[in-house]
Structures are given as C-alpha cells and as structure tokens.
N, C-alpha and C. Protein backbone atom coordinates (compact mmCIF):
# COMPACT_ATOMS: atom_id res chain seq x y z
N MET A 1 24.76 53.35 23.67
CA MET A 1 24.13 54.43 24.49
C MET A 1 24.66 55.11 25.61
N VAL A 2 24.56 56.80 25.64
CA VAL A 2 24.57 56.94 26.83
C VAL A 2 24.01 58.09 27.13
N TYR A 3 23.03 58.19 28.13
CA TYR A 3 22.09 58.70 28.29
C TYR A 3 22.63 59.63 30.10
N PHE A 4 22.66 61.06 29.39
CA PHE A 4 22.15 61.78 31.32
C PHE A 4 21.67 62.55 31.01
N ASP A 5 21.05 61.98 31.92
CA ASP A 5 19.33 62.31 32.80
C ASP A 5 19.84 64.08 33.02
N GLY A 6 19.40 64.89 32.84
CA GLY A 6 18.48 66.39 33.32
C GLY A 6 19.87 67.32 33.20
N LEU A 7 21.05 67.14 32.20
CA LEU A 7 22.48 67.12 33.07
C LEU A 7 21.82 68.73 32.40
N THR A 8 21.57 69.69 31.42
CA THR A 8 21.04 70.46 30.82
C THR A 8 20.22 71.02 32.81
N SER A 9 19.57 70.94 33.24
CA SER A 9 19.04 71.74 34.05
C SER A 9 19.01 73.19 34.13
N LYS A 10 18.86 73.65 34.74
CA LYS A 10 18.80 74.88 35.18
C LYS A 10 20.06 74.67 36.64
N VAL A 11 19.62 73.99 37.42
CA VAL A 11 20.17 73.78 38.66
C VAL A 11 20.87 72.82 38.61
N ARG A 12 22.11 73.08 38.81
CA ARG A 12 23.62 71.52 39.43
C ARG A 12 24.03 72.33 40.01
N SER A 13 25.42 71.15 40.38
CA SER A 13 26.34 71.22 41.15
C SER A 13 27.32 70.11 40.65
N PHE A 14 27.96 70.08 39.54
CA PHE A 14 28.40 69.42 39.52
C PHE A 14 30.42 69.31 40.41
N GLY A 15 30.07 70.43 41.03
CA GLY A 15 31.05 70.80 42.33
C GLY A 15 33.20 70.29 41.79
N GLN A 16 32.99 70.25 40.20
CA GLN A 16 34.33 70.96 40.18
C GLN A 16 34.59 71.25 39.39
N PHE A 17 36.06 72.02 39.01
CA PHE A 17 36.84 72.80 37.75
C PHE A 17 35.95 71.61 36.58
N ARG A 18 36.48 70.83 36.22
CA ARG A 18 36.64 70.14 34.44
C ARG A 18 35.85 67.95 35.00
N LYS A 19 35.05 67.76 34.57
CA LYS A 19 35.07 66.74 35.11
C LYS A 19 34.35 66.09 33.36
N VAL A 20 35.78 65.33 33.29
CA VAL A 20 34.40 64.40 31.44
C VAL A 20 34.03 63.08 32.12
N ILE A 21 33.39 63.11 30.93
CA ILE A 21 31.78 62.33 31.55
C ILE A 21 31.71 61.24 30.18
N HIS A 22 32.58 61.17 29.30
CA HIS A 22 32.03 60.89 27.98
C HIS A 22 33.10 61.93 27.03
N THR A 23 34.02 59.85 26.11
CA THR A 23 35.16 60.34 25.46
C THR A 23 34.63 59.56 23.99
N GLY A 24 33.64 60.12 23.29
CA GLY A 24 33.91 59.33 21.71
C GLY A 24 34.48 59.08 21.12
N LEU A 25 34.03 58.25 19.65
CA LEU A 25 35.52 59.41 18.31
C LEU A 25 35.67 59.93 18.24
N TYR A 26 34.73 60.92 17.66
CA TYR A 26 34.69 62.54 17.32
C TYR A 26 34.59 63.44 18.27
N SER A 27 33.96 63.15 19.21
CA SER A 27 34.48 63.76 20.02
C SER A 27 33.06 63.84 21.68
N GLN A 28 33.53 64.62 22.41
CA GLN A 28 34.05 63.82 24.60
C GLN A 28 33.11 65.67 25.23
N LEU A 29 32.24 65.00 25.82
CA LEU A 29 31.34 65.61 26.67
C LEU A 29 32.41 66.35 27.94
N VAL A 30 31.82 67.30 28.83
CA VAL A 30 32.24 67.54 29.35
C VAL A 30 31.74 68.62 30.40
N THR A 31 31.88 68.26 31.60
CA THR A 31 31.38 69.55 32.99
C THR A 31 32.08 70.45 33.06
N MET A 32 31.46 71.28 33.33
CA MET A 32 32.29 72.79 34.38
C MET A 32 32.16 73.25 35.00
N GLU A 33 32.85 74.49 36.17
CA GLU A 33 32.03 74.76 37.23
C GLU A 33 33.13 75.81 37.60
N ILE A 34 32.37 77.11 36.90
CA ILE A 34 33.17 78.30 37.73
C ILE A 34 33.27 78.33 38.75
N PRO A 35 34.48 78.93 39.24
CA PRO A 35 33.34 79.55 40.55
C PRO A 35 33.42 80.59 40.79
N VAL A 36 32.81 81.74 41.93
CA VAL A 36 32.16 83.32 41.55
C VAL A 36 33.95 84.27 41.05
N GLY A 37 34.22 84.66 40.58
CA GLY A 37 34.98 85.76 40.69
C GLY A 37 35.60 84.88 39.47
N GLY A 38 36.40 83.40 39.35
CA GLY A 38 36.60 82.03 38.27
C GLY A 38 36.74 83.12 36.91
N ASP A 39 37.87 82.01 36.26
CA ASP A 39 37.84 81.84 34.52
C ASP A 39 37.56 80.98 34.19
N ILE A 40 37.59 80.64 32.94
CA ILE A 40 38.46 78.97 32.54
C ILE A 40 40.34 79.42 32.26
N GLY A 41 40.17 80.82 32.07
CA GLY A 41 41.69 80.61 31.88
C GLY A 41 41.37 80.35 30.01
N ASN A 42 42.65 81.81 29.45
CA ASN A 42 42.97 81.77 28.58
C ASN A 42 42.89 81.59 27.04
N GLU A 43 42.64 80.50 26.63
CA GLU A 43 42.83 79.16 25.50
C GLU A 43 42.85 79.32 24.47
N VAL A 44 43.00 78.60 23.31
CA VAL A 44 43.10 78.63 22.44
C VAL A 44 43.16 76.37 21.86
N HIS A 45 41.98 75.72 21.44
CA HIS A 45 42.08 74.91 21.17
C HIS A 45 42.62 74.91 19.88
N LEU A 46 43.13 73.46 19.36
CA LEU A 46 42.93 72.32 17.90
C LEU A 46 41.94 71.73 17.55
N VAL A 47 40.54 71.38 18.78
CA VAL A 47 39.81 71.66 17.99
C VAL A 47 38.31 72.19 17.42
N ASP A 48 37.40 71.75 17.31
CA ASP A 48 36.05 72.98 17.64
C ASP A 48 34.74 72.39 19.27
N GLN A 49 35.23 73.64 20.12
CA GLN A 49 33.87 73.18 21.31
C GLN A 49 33.03 74.32 21.21
N VAL A 50 31.84 73.48 21.70
CA VAL A 50 30.18 74.16 21.88
C VAL A 50 30.61 74.10 23.45
N LEU A 51 29.92 74.89 24.04
CA LEU A 51 29.58 75.26 25.56
C LEU A 51 28.85 75.57 25.69
N ILE A 52 27.24 75.02 26.06
CA ILE A 52 26.06 75.24 26.66
C ILE A 52 25.91 75.67 28.55
N PHE A 53 25.63 77.16 28.84
CA PHE A 53 26.29 77.26 29.91
C PHE A 53 24.35 76.64 30.76
N THR A 54 24.33 76.15 31.68
CA THR A 54 23.30 75.00 32.31
C THR A 54 23.16 76.34 33.53
N SER A 55 23.60 77.21 34.14
CA SER A 55 23.20 77.34 35.15
C SER A 55 24.30 79.58 35.56
N GLY A 56 24.08 80.36 36.32
CA GLY A 56 24.99 81.28 36.28
C GLY A 56 24.78 82.64 35.77
N GLU A 57 26.31 83.21 35.87
CA GLU A 57 26.27 84.34 34.40
C GLU A 57 27.70 84.36 34.19
N GLY A 58 27.84 84.82 32.88
CA GLY A 58 29.70 84.85 32.28
C GLY A 58 29.64 86.07 31.42
N LYS A 59 31.00 86.20 31.13
CA LYS A 59 30.26 86.81 30.30
C LYS A 59 31.94 86.16 28.89
N ALA A 60 31.75 86.25 27.59
CA ALA A 60 32.56 85.99 26.60
C ALA A 60 34.24 86.48 25.96
N VAL A 61 34.76 86.27 26.38
CA VAL A 61 35.87 87.42 25.15
C VAL A 61 35.90 86.18 24.19
N VAL A 62 36.05 86.44 23.19
CA VAL A 62 36.49 85.17 22.02
C VAL A 62 36.30 85.43 20.94
N ALA A 63 37.61 86.11 20.05
CA ALA A 63 38.83 86.14 19.52
C ALA A 63 39.26 86.99 19.74
N GLY A 64 39.43 87.36 20.88
CA GLY A 64 40.03 89.35 21.25
C GLY A 64 39.08 89.53 21.77
N LYS A 65 37.72 89.44 20.97
CA LYS A 65 36.44 90.36 21.46
C LYS A 65 35.27 90.87 22.79
N GLU A 66 35.50 90.69 23.36
CA GLU A 66 34.36 90.60 24.58
C GLU A 66 32.77 90.73 23.83
N GLN A 67 32.28 89.33 24.63
CA GLN A 67 30.67 89.31 23.52
C GLN A 67 29.31 90.07 24.25
N VAL A 68 28.90 90.95 23.73
CA VAL A 68 27.84 91.01 24.94
C VAL A 68 26.45 91.06 24.22
N ARG A 69 25.22 90.43 24.58
CA ARG A 69 23.92 90.54 24.24
C ARG A 69 23.31 91.07 22.68
N ALA A 70 23.30 89.90 22.04
CA ALA A 70 22.71 90.67 20.90
C ALA A 70 21.32 89.56 20.32
N SER A 71 20.72 90.19 19.68
CA SER A 71 19.25 89.66 18.95
C SER A 71 19.47 88.96 17.72
N PHE A 72 19.21 88.05 17.99
CA PHE A 72 19.06 86.85 16.21
C PHE A 72 19.10 88.16 15.31
N ALA A 73 18.32 89.05 14.37
CA ALA A 73 18.02 89.72 14.24
C ALA A 73 19.71 90.46 13.55
N SER A 74 20.20 91.51 15.16
CA SER A 74 21.76 91.70 14.53
C SER A 74 22.66 91.28 14.63
N ILE A 75 23.04 89.94 14.15
CA ILE A 75 24.03 89.33 14.28
C ILE A 75 24.04 88.99 12.58
N ILE A 76 22.31 88.74 12.71
CA ILE A 76 22.27 88.12 10.50
C ILE A 76 23.12 89.01 10.15
N GLY A 77 23.04 90.32 10.66
CA GLY A 77 23.26 90.92 9.81
C GLY A 77 25.12 91.42 10.10
N ARG A 78 25.67 90.64 10.93
CA ARG A 78 27.19 90.57 11.16
C ARG A 78 27.55 89.52 10.83
N TRP A 79 27.31 88.84 9.68
CA TRP A 79 28.17 87.39 9.06
C TRP A 79 28.52 88.14 7.48
N HIS A 80 30.13 87.14 8.44
CA HIS A 80 31.22 87.89 7.71
C HIS A 80 32.10 86.87 6.81
N THR A 81 32.76 86.56 6.04
CA THR A 81 32.91 85.50 4.97
C THR A 81 34.81 85.69 5.34
N ARG A 82 34.96 84.64 6.24
CA ARG A 82 36.91 85.20 6.80
C ARG A 82 37.42 83.09 6.11
N ASN A 83 38.07 83.27 5.58
CA ASN A 83 38.89 82.20 5.30
C ASN A 83 38.17 80.99 5.86
N LYS A 84 37.56 81.54 5.09
CA LYS A 84 36.47 79.90 4.90
C LYS A 84 35.16 80.15 5.78
N VAL A 85 35.62 80.55 7.04
CA VAL A 85 34.85 80.07 7.82
C VAL A 85 33.74 81.18 8.53
N LEU A 86 33.01 81.22 9.02
CA LEU A 86 31.22 82.12 8.76
C LEU A 86 31.95 82.52 10.54
N MET A 87 32.00 84.02 10.91
CA MET A 87 32.13 84.51 11.82
C MET A 87 30.72 85.55 12.86
N ILE A 88 30.67 85.01 13.75
CA ILE A 88 29.79 86.50 14.23
C ILE A 88 30.43 87.17 15.03
N TYR A 89 30.05 88.44 14.54
CA TYR A 89 30.92 89.78 15.74
C TYR A 89 30.06 90.14 16.46
N ALA A 90 28.70 89.41 16.98
CA ALA A 90 28.08 89.94 18.07
C ALA A 90 28.42 90.09 19.46
N LYS A 91 27.91 91.41 20.53
CA LYS A 91 28.31 90.83 20.95
C LYS A 91 27.62 90.47 22.16
N GLN A 92 28.24 88.98 23.56
CA GLN A 92 26.86 88.73 24.54
C GLN A 92 27.28 87.88 25.63
N ASN A 93 26.95 88.92 26.70
CA ASN A 93 27.22 88.37 28.06
C ASN A 93 26.75 86.63 27.77
N VAL A 94 26.82 86.19 28.56
CA VAL A 94 26.37 84.90 29.44
C VAL A 94 24.96 83.79 30.19
N LYS A 95 24.63 82.65 29.82
CA LYS A 95 23.71 82.77 30.96
C LYS A 95 23.07 81.51 30.99
N ALA A 96 22.34 80.64 31.91
CA ALA A 96 21.62 79.72 31.85
C ALA A 96 21.06 79.45 30.49
N SER A 97 21.64 78.42 29.50
CA SER A 97 19.87 78.21 28.34
C SER A 97 21.44 78.27 27.00
N ASP A 98 22.12 79.52 27.76
CA ASP A 98 22.84 80.19 25.73
C ASP A 98 23.75 79.52 25.65
N VAL A 99 24.31 79.31 24.21
CA VAL A 99 25.18 78.64 23.89
C VAL A 99 26.59 79.74 23.02
N VAL A 100 27.35 78.81 23.29
CA VAL A 100 28.60 79.18 21.65
C VAL A 100 29.42 78.54 21.52
N VAL A 101 30.33 78.73 20.06
CA VAL A 101 30.61 78.25 19.28
C VAL A 101 32.11 78.96 19.29
N VAL A 102 32.98 77.69 19.69
CA VAL A 102 34.29 78.33 19.45
C VAL A 102 35.18 77.48 18.37
N PRO A 103 34.77 78.33 17.31
CA PRO A 103 35.65 76.94 16.19
C PRO A 103 38.06 76.66 16.73
N ALA A 104 38.47 75.58 16.30
CA ALA A 104 39.23 75.13 16.70
C ALA A 104 40.04 76.21 16.29
N GLY A 105 40.72 76.59 16.68
CA GLY A 105 41.88 77.81 16.35
C GLY A 105 40.93 78.97 16.57
N THR A 106 40.71 79.55 17.67
CA THR A 106 39.84 80.27 17.97
C THR A 106 40.24 80.27 19.59
N GLU A 107 41.01 81.86 19.81
CA GLU A 107 41.50 82.34 21.55
C GLU A 107 40.53 82.35 21.90
N HIS A 108 39.47 81.65 22.85
CA HIS A 108 38.95 82.07 23.94
C HIS A 108 39.15 82.24 25.95
N GLN A 109 38.20 83.52 26.30
CA GLN A 109 38.14 83.00 27.56
C GLN A 109 36.28 83.59 28.76
N PHE A 110 35.65 82.75 28.90
CA PHE A 110 34.92 82.77 29.97
C PHE A 110 34.51 83.01 31.04
N TYR A 111 34.32 84.22 31.93
CA TYR A 111 34.19 85.16 33.03
C TYR A 111 33.27 84.51 34.42
N ASN A 112 33.17 84.56 34.77
CA ASN A 112 31.76 83.92 35.97
C ASN A 112 31.73 85.67 36.55
N THR A 113 30.44 85.96 36.08
CA THR A 113 30.77 87.65 36.02
C THR A 113 29.81 87.47 37.99
N SER A 114 28.72 86.62 37.75
CA SER A 114 27.69 86.03 39.02
C SER A 114 28.27 86.89 40.06
N LYS A 115 27.91 87.55 41.32
CA LYS A 115 28.45 87.22 42.49
C LYS A 115 28.06 86.63 43.91
N ASP A 116 27.86 86.03 43.30
CA ASP A 116 26.43 84.87 44.22
C ASP A 116 26.67 83.10 44.14
N GLN A 117 27.21 82.50 43.12
CA GLN A 117 27.30 81.30 42.66
C GLN A 117 27.56 81.38 41.19
N PRO A 118 28.41 79.75 40.94
CA PRO A 118 29.07 79.10 40.06
C PRO A 118 29.20 79.46 38.92
N LEU A 119 29.01 79.32 38.24
CA LEU A 119 29.11 79.83 37.25
C LEU A 119 29.03 77.43 35.43
N GLU A 120 27.63 77.22 35.56
CA GLU A 120 27.86 76.27 34.75
C GLU A 120 27.88 76.26 33.44
N LEU A 121 28.24 74.29 32.84
CA LEU A 121 28.80 74.38 31.76
C LEU A 121 28.60 73.54 31.47
N VAL A 122 27.99 73.27 30.27
CA VAL A 122 28.33 71.83 29.82
C VAL A 122 29.13 71.63 28.03
N THR A 123 30.95 71.04 28.44
CA THR A 123 30.83 71.51 26.35
C THR A 123 30.79 70.40 25.92
N VAL A 124 31.27 70.05 24.77
CA VAL A 124 31.21 69.35 23.78
C VAL A 124 32.38 69.72 22.77
N TYR A 125 33.84 68.52 23.19
CA TYR A 125 34.34 68.47 22.39
C TYR A 125 34.87 67.96 21.26
N SER A 126 35.16 68.55 19.56
CA SER A 126 34.44 67.42 18.52
C SER A 126 36.67 68.02 17.81
N PRO A 127 36.98 67.16 17.89
CA PRO A 127 37.59 65.41 18.18
C PRO A 127 37.65 66.05 19.83
N ALA A 128 37.84 64.96 21.07
CA ALA A 128 38.24 65.35 22.88
C ALA A 128 39.30 65.72 22.46
N GLU A 129 39.07 66.45 23.78
CA GLU A 129 40.94 67.72 23.58
C GLU A 129 42.05 67.13 25.42
N HIS A 130 40.63 66.08 26.62
CA HIS A 130 40.81 65.85 27.31
C HIS A 130 41.53 64.02 27.66
N ASP A 131 42.14 63.29 27.95
CA ASP A 131 41.82 61.91 28.39
C ASP A 131 40.75 61.81 29.25
N PRO A 132 40.18 60.65 28.74
CA PRO A 132 39.35 60.62 29.19
C PRO A 132 38.89 60.58 31.19
N ARG A 133 40.02 60.14 31.76
CA ARG A 133 40.10 60.00 33.00
C ARG A 133 39.94 60.96 33.91
N THR A 134 39.87 62.37 32.50
CA THR A 134 39.70 63.81 33.64
C THR A 134 38.77 63.82 34.54
N VAL A 135 39.96 64.47 35.32
CA VAL A 135 38.52 64.94 37.08
C VAL A 135 39.84 66.00 37.31
N HIS A 136 38.65 67.94 36.81
CA HIS A 136 39.87 69.27 37.75
C HIS A 136 39.05 69.09 38.93
N LYS A 137 40.24 68.94 40.10
CA LYS A 137 38.59 69.83 41.10
C LYS A 137 38.71 71.41 41.76
N THR A 138 39.81 72.01 40.16
CA THR A 138 40.27 73.62 40.16
C THR A 138 41.10 73.55 39.50
N LYS A 139 40.64 74.78 38.33
CA LYS A 139 41.33 75.44 37.86
C LYS A 139 42.69 74.94 37.67
N GLU A 140 43.46 75.12 38.68
CA GLU A 140 45.20 75.27 39.31
C GLU A 140 45.85 73.50 38.97
N GLU A 141 44.17 72.91 39.44
CA GLU A 141 44.98 71.32 39.37
C GLU A 141 44.60 71.44 37.76
N GLY A 142 44.41 71.63 37.17
CA GLY A 142 43.68 71.21 35.65
C GLY A 142 45.10 71.82 35.02
N ASP A 143 45.35 73.36 34.68
CA ASP A 143 46.75 73.87 34.43
C ASP A 143 47.58 72.96 34.63
N GLU A 144 47.98 72.14 36.12
CA GLU A 144 48.81 72.00 35.41
C GLU A 144 49.08 70.21 35.85
N GLU A 145 48.30 69.66 35.46
CA GLU A 145 48.49 68.52 35.10
C GLU A 145 48.92 68.76 32.84
N GLU A 146 47.57 69.95 32.48
CA GLU A 146 48.43 69.85 31.78
C GLU A 146 49.38 70.59 30.94
N ASP A 147 49.93 71.27 31.74
CA ASP A 147 51.49 71.70 31.44
C ASP A 147 52.46 70.52 31.72
N ALA A 148 52.22 69.58 32.42
CA ALA A 148 53.21 68.20 32.99
C ALA A 148 52.82 67.55 31.49
N GLY A 149 51.36 67.28 30.96
CA GLY A 149 51.64 66.43 29.50
C GLY A 149 50.66 65.65 29.91
N LYS A 150 49.67 65.68 31.58
CA LYS A 150 49.14 64.56 32.12
C LYS A 150 47.16 64.64 31.40
N ASP A 151 46.80 65.55 30.86
CA ASP A 151 45.57 65.47 30.44
C ASP A 151 45.80 65.65 28.84
N GLU A 152 46.73 64.21 28.07
CA GLU A 152 45.65 64.93 26.80
C GLU A 152 45.02 64.02 26.31
N ALA A 153 44.16 64.33 25.09
CA ALA A 153 43.73 63.24 24.53
C ALA A 153 43.78 62.54 23.93
N PRO A 154 43.22 60.84 24.33
CA PRO A 154 43.59 59.34 23.62
C PRO A 154 43.72 58.86 22.11
N GLU A 155 45.16 59.22 21.79
CA GLU A 155 45.72 59.12 20.57
C GLU A 155 44.67 57.97 19.71
N TRP A 156 43.52 57.08 19.71
CA TRP A 156 42.66 56.48 19.07
C TRP A 156 41.38 57.58 18.71
N SER A 157 41.72 58.84 19.81
CA SER A 157 40.20 59.78 19.34
C SER A 157 40.50 61.30 18.21
N GLN A 158 42.19 60.82 17.67
CA GLN A 158 42.40 62.10 17.65
C GLN A 158 42.94 60.99 15.51
N GLN A 159 42.34 60.57 15.11
CA GLN A 159 42.38 59.32 13.70
C GLN A 159 41.10 59.41 12.77
N SER A 160 41.65 60.11 12.12
CA SER A 160 41.09 60.21 11.48
C SER A 160 39.51 59.22 10.62
N LYS A 161 38.60 59.25 10.07
CA LYS A 161 37.59 58.77 10.06
C LYS A 161 37.43 57.38 8.88
N ASN A 162 38.54 57.99 7.90
CA ASN A 162 39.11 55.87 6.91
C ASN A 162 39.73 55.07 8.65
N THR A 163 40.41 56.10 9.09
CA THR A 163 41.41 55.11 9.71
C THR A 163 40.59 54.23 10.97
N ASN A 164 40.08 54.93 11.54
CA ASN A 164 38.46 54.27 12.18
C ASN A 164 37.65 52.14 11.16
N GLU A 165 37.48 53.33 10.55
CA GLU A 165 36.76 52.39 10.00
C GLU A 165 37.61 51.48 9.44
N LYS A 166 38.63 51.59 9.30
CA LYS A 166 39.53 50.08 8.58
C LYS A 166 39.20 49.70 9.81
N LYS A 167 39.70 49.80 10.72
CA LYS A 167 39.97 49.16 12.10
C LYS A 167 39.08 49.01 13.06
N GLY A 168 37.63 48.95 12.38
CA GLY A 168 36.47 48.42 13.31
C GLY A 168 35.77 49.62 13.93
N LEU A 169 36.59 50.97 14.65
CA LEU A 169 36.44 51.63 15.32
C LEU A 169 35.08 52.20 15.58
N ALA A 170 34.28 52.41 13.80
CA ALA A 170 33.28 52.99 13.53
C ALA A 170 32.69 51.66 12.88
N LYS A 171 31.66 51.70 13.14
CA LYS A 171 30.46 50.65 11.75
C LYS A 171 28.99 50.63 11.64
N GLU A 172 28.80 50.93 10.46
CA GLU A 172 27.30 51.12 9.80
C GLU A 172 26.45 50.49 10.88
N GLU A 173 27.15 49.44 11.73
CA GLU A 173 25.59 48.45 12.23
C GLU A 173 25.79 48.70 14.06
N GLY A 174 26.90 49.16 14.04
CA GLY A 174 27.00 50.14 15.45
C GLY A 174 27.68 48.57 16.99
N GLY A 175 27.12 49.48 18.19
CA GLY A 175 27.43 48.77 19.13
C GLY A 175 28.21 46.99 18.70
N PRO A 176 28.05 46.37 19.42
CA PRO A 176 27.13 46.18 20.80
C PRO A 176 28.59 46.56 21.99
N TYR A 177 27.46 48.04 23.05
CA TYR A 177 28.45 47.86 23.63
C TYR A 177 27.76 47.91 24.86
N GLU A 178 28.58 47.30 26.30
CA GLU A 178 28.02 46.79 27.22
C GLU A 178 28.65 48.39 28.65
N ASN A 179 27.28 48.17 29.44
CA ASN A 179 26.79 49.78 30.16
C ASN A 179 27.94 50.96 29.98
N GLY A 180 27.51 50.80 28.30
CA GLY A 180 27.19 51.83 27.71
C GLY A 180 28.99 53.18 27.50
N ASP A 181 30.21 51.78 28.02
CA ASP A 181 31.81 52.20 27.39
C ASP A 181 30.71 51.65 26.36
N ASP A 182 32.26 51.88 25.17
CA ASP A 182 32.34 51.59 23.54
C ASP A 182 34.04 51.04 23.45
N GLY A 183 34.46 49.96 24.95
CA GLY A 183 34.96 49.23 24.51
C GLY A 183 36.88 50.09 24.53
N ARG A 184 36.56 50.88 24.28
CA ARG A 184 37.93 52.19 23.89
C ARG A 184 38.66 52.29 24.28
N HIS A 185 38.39 52.89 26.65
CA HIS A 185 38.88 53.54 27.15
C HIS A 185 38.21 52.69 28.44
N GLY A 186 38.25 51.18 28.34
CA GLY A 186 37.90 50.32 30.27
C GLY A 186 37.00 51.22 31.09
N ARG A 187 36.23 52.54 30.61
CA ARG A 187 35.90 53.47 31.53
C ARG A 187 34.08 52.95 31.97
N LYS A 188 33.35 52.59 32.73
CA LYS A 188 32.03 51.87 32.57
C LYS A 188 31.22 53.33 32.90
N VAL A 189 29.85 53.61 32.12
CA VAL A 189 29.53 54.89 33.04
C VAL A 189 28.45 54.33 32.95
N GLU A 190 28.18 55.10 34.36
CA GLU A 190 27.42 54.59 36.00
C GLU A 190 26.17 55.41 35.58
C-alpha cells in the first residue's frame, strides 16, 4: 500500500508543473500545478485520465467544448451513447473538489482562470502516461522532454492484465512490497 496523507486538502503547494508520485501496473498518480495565466496544453492521451482539482479555479475544454458548471439534474438529461462511450455535454468551470474524467483519445485542455493562485490537481492515468521518475518544474520543460521521447511510460505499465499475471507481476495474494515500492522501477516512496 502507498499512502499520501492529505493529498487532496484545499491548501497545497506542489511547487512544480508535474510530478509523478506513484506508478502501478495499471495506473499512475501525478500532481500538477498550473501557474496563474497558465494551462496544461491542448493534448490527447491514449489512456484514461481522472483529474481531481485540489486548489484554485480553472476552465475545462474537453472534446473541443468549453465546460461550465451544471447541476447533476441537468447532466442526467444530457447523457448520450456515442461509439459505446457515454459522453456528458455539461458545461463546467473547475475548482477545488471537482473531478473531471477524460476518456482515452479525447482532446482536452485546462486553463488556470485565477488571478492570484495556481490551479492544483491530482491526476490518475490508467494505464501510466509518464516515466515514473518524471518531475517537470515548468510546462515548457515537460513539453521538451515529451517531444524528445524522454518522458515515456515504462513498457511494463503498458502490458495486458494476462501478461502481467503470467509474469507474476499481478497476483491475488499481493505483495510483499518493501518501503511502498512494488519493485518494478526501483524508486522508494518516502
């Protein structure tokens, strides 16, 4: 088990644009801090992504649609089946405690709209999207490493469930894992 005390508290200071804090067989946990006036960058991943906003205010643009806040009742009326994926066409600004799910293959962009504080979030990729050792101080540094192929998810994180089970990487009896490290990437969690 890996435990992060108070990770989603309202007052955070992650201090860097992107930092991978855990990479498992089927998911990856990353912190992000988007500076005032900044953005994540228009992107598409081939993995699912869940963004949990912890501090600040922002605007979401998902699948080319600006998202603005909507009530649960208005969202229920907007569910549509498209290519076997349920899509919500709700509009929503984002703030602390909001969650946005971005399905694999969906174009997305998030902007910090606050005039005085960073937009902070914790994001879960499934499977991993980044190198487990990734720490990007700025968006520009992250873009540069991604463009150079230096920020790639490890091969073992992209394998099928059956492959992982056959290799003994996933087993029902679990562990033992020393110091919170599962042994695949040699990084100790402190």
